[in-house]
Amino acid sequence: MARSSPRWSTSEEILGHPWALQLVNGDQCGLIEGTGSVVGGVTLNYGCTYGDAAYPSENVEPWATEYSLNHSGGVTASPVAIAWK
């Protein structure tokens, strides 16, 4: 039986959120599957090169996200430079 090729979905198809972000500080983040970690009461759904980030607020310009640098125990607001949907 022939195997079919895997179908890759974007988060827009699944959740409506960007599948990748680049923050103004240069950190690059990708949407993680499963349950994100929680820091300071904020669920962090993106794994970043140097930390983690929450879903961005898309109703403000520029978009912003809550960001935790290396699970430092707190989160700070960080503007989003680029988002890929």
Protein backbone atom coordinates (compact mmCIF):
# COMPACT_ATOMS: atom_id res chain seq x y z
CA MET A 1 0.00 0.00 0.00
CA ALA A 2 1.42 3.37 -1.01
CA ARG A 3 1.82 5.97 1.71
CA SER A 4 0.49 9.42 1.05
CA SER A 5 2.63 12.47 1.56
CA PRO A 6 2.08 14.27 4.85
CA ARG A 7 -0.06 17.37 4.66
CA TRP A 8 1.42 20.33 6.48
CA SER A 9 -1.07 22.81 7.84
CA THR A 10 -0.45 26.36 8.87
CA SER A 11 -1.71 27.65 12.17
CA GLU A 12 -4.14 29.87 10.23
CA GLU A 13 -5.89 26.72 9.07
CA ILE A 14 -5.79 25.28 12.57
CA LEU A 15 -6.08 28.18 14.98
CA GLY A 16 -6.08 31.46 13.06
CA HIS A 17 -2.79 32.50 14.67
CA PRO A 18 0.52 33.17 12.88
CA TRP A 19 2.76 30.12 12.60
CA ALA A 20 5.91 32.21 13.12
CA LEU A 21 6.87 35.59 14.58
CA GLN A 22 9.92 37.80 14.61
CA LEU A 23 9.97 40.18 17.53
CA VAL A 24 11.39 43.69 17.45
CA ASN A 25 14.25 42.46 19.66
CA GLY A 26 15.22 40.07 16.81
CA ASP A 27 14.11 36.86 18.50
CA GLN A 28 12.42 34.40 16.13
CA CYS A 29 9.50 32.32 17.36
CA GLY A 30 7.55 29.35 16.03
CA LEU A 31 4.17 28.07 17.12
CA ILE A 32 4.55 25.01 19.34
CA GLU A 33 2.20 22.05 19.22
CA GLY A 34 0.49 20.91 22.37
CA THR A 35 0.29 22.83 25.60
CA GLY A 36 2.53 25.84 26.02
CA SER A 37 4.36 26.62 29.22
CA VAL A 38 2.90 29.11 31.69
CA VAL A 39 5.04 31.92 33.11
CA GLY A 40 3.58 34.62 35.32
CA GLY A 41 0.07 33.40 34.52
CA VAL A 42 0.60 33.79 30.75
CA THR A 43 0.48 30.78 28.42
CA LEU A 44 3.43 30.88 26.03
CA ASN A 45 2.45 29.22 22.76
CA TYR A 46 5.57 30.11 20.75
CA GLY A 47 9.04 28.72 21.27
CA CYS A 48 11.63 31.38 20.50
CA THR A 49 15.38 31.26 20.06
CA TYR A 50 15.99 32.97 23.41
CA GLY A 51 12.67 32.62 25.22
CA ASP A 52 8.97 32.01 24.64
CA ALA A 53 6.01 34.16 23.59
CA ALA A 54 2.22 34.22 23.82
CA TYR A 55 -0.26 34.57 20.98
CA PRO A 56 0.09 38.12 19.66
CA SER A 57 -2.55 40.79 20.17
CA GLU A 58 -3.63 41.43 16.59
CA ASN A 59 -6.10 44.21 17.39
CA VAL A 60 -3.35 46.80 18.03
CA GLU A 61 -0.68 48.27 15.75
CA PRO A 62 2.02 47.18 15.92
CA TRP A 63 1.01 43.74 17.09
CA ALA A 64 2.37 42.91 20.52
CA THR A 65 2.99 39.74 22.47
CA GLU A 66 3.91 38.77 26.00
CA TYR A 67 7.49 37.48 26.02
CA SER A 68 9.57 35.59 28.57
CA LEU A 69 13.32 35.60 28.15
CA ASN A 70 14.59 32.12 29.13
CA HIS A 71 11.69 31.56 31.54
CA SER A 72 13.02 34.37 33.70
CA GLY A 73 9.93 34.16 35.90
CA GLY A 74 8.20 37.12 34.33
CA VAL A 75 6.84 38.33 31.04
CA THR A 76 7.19 41.66 29.28
CA ALA A 77 5.33 43.17 26.34
CA SER A 78 7.24 42.93 23.08
CA PRO A 79 6.22 44.38 19.71
CA VAL A 80 6.05 41.97 16.76
CA ALA A 81 8.16 43.03 13.77
CA ILE A 82 6.99 40.31 11.32
CA ALA A 83 4.30 37.63 11.49
CA TRP A 84 3.79 34.75 9.07
CA LYS A 85 0.30 33.34 8.58
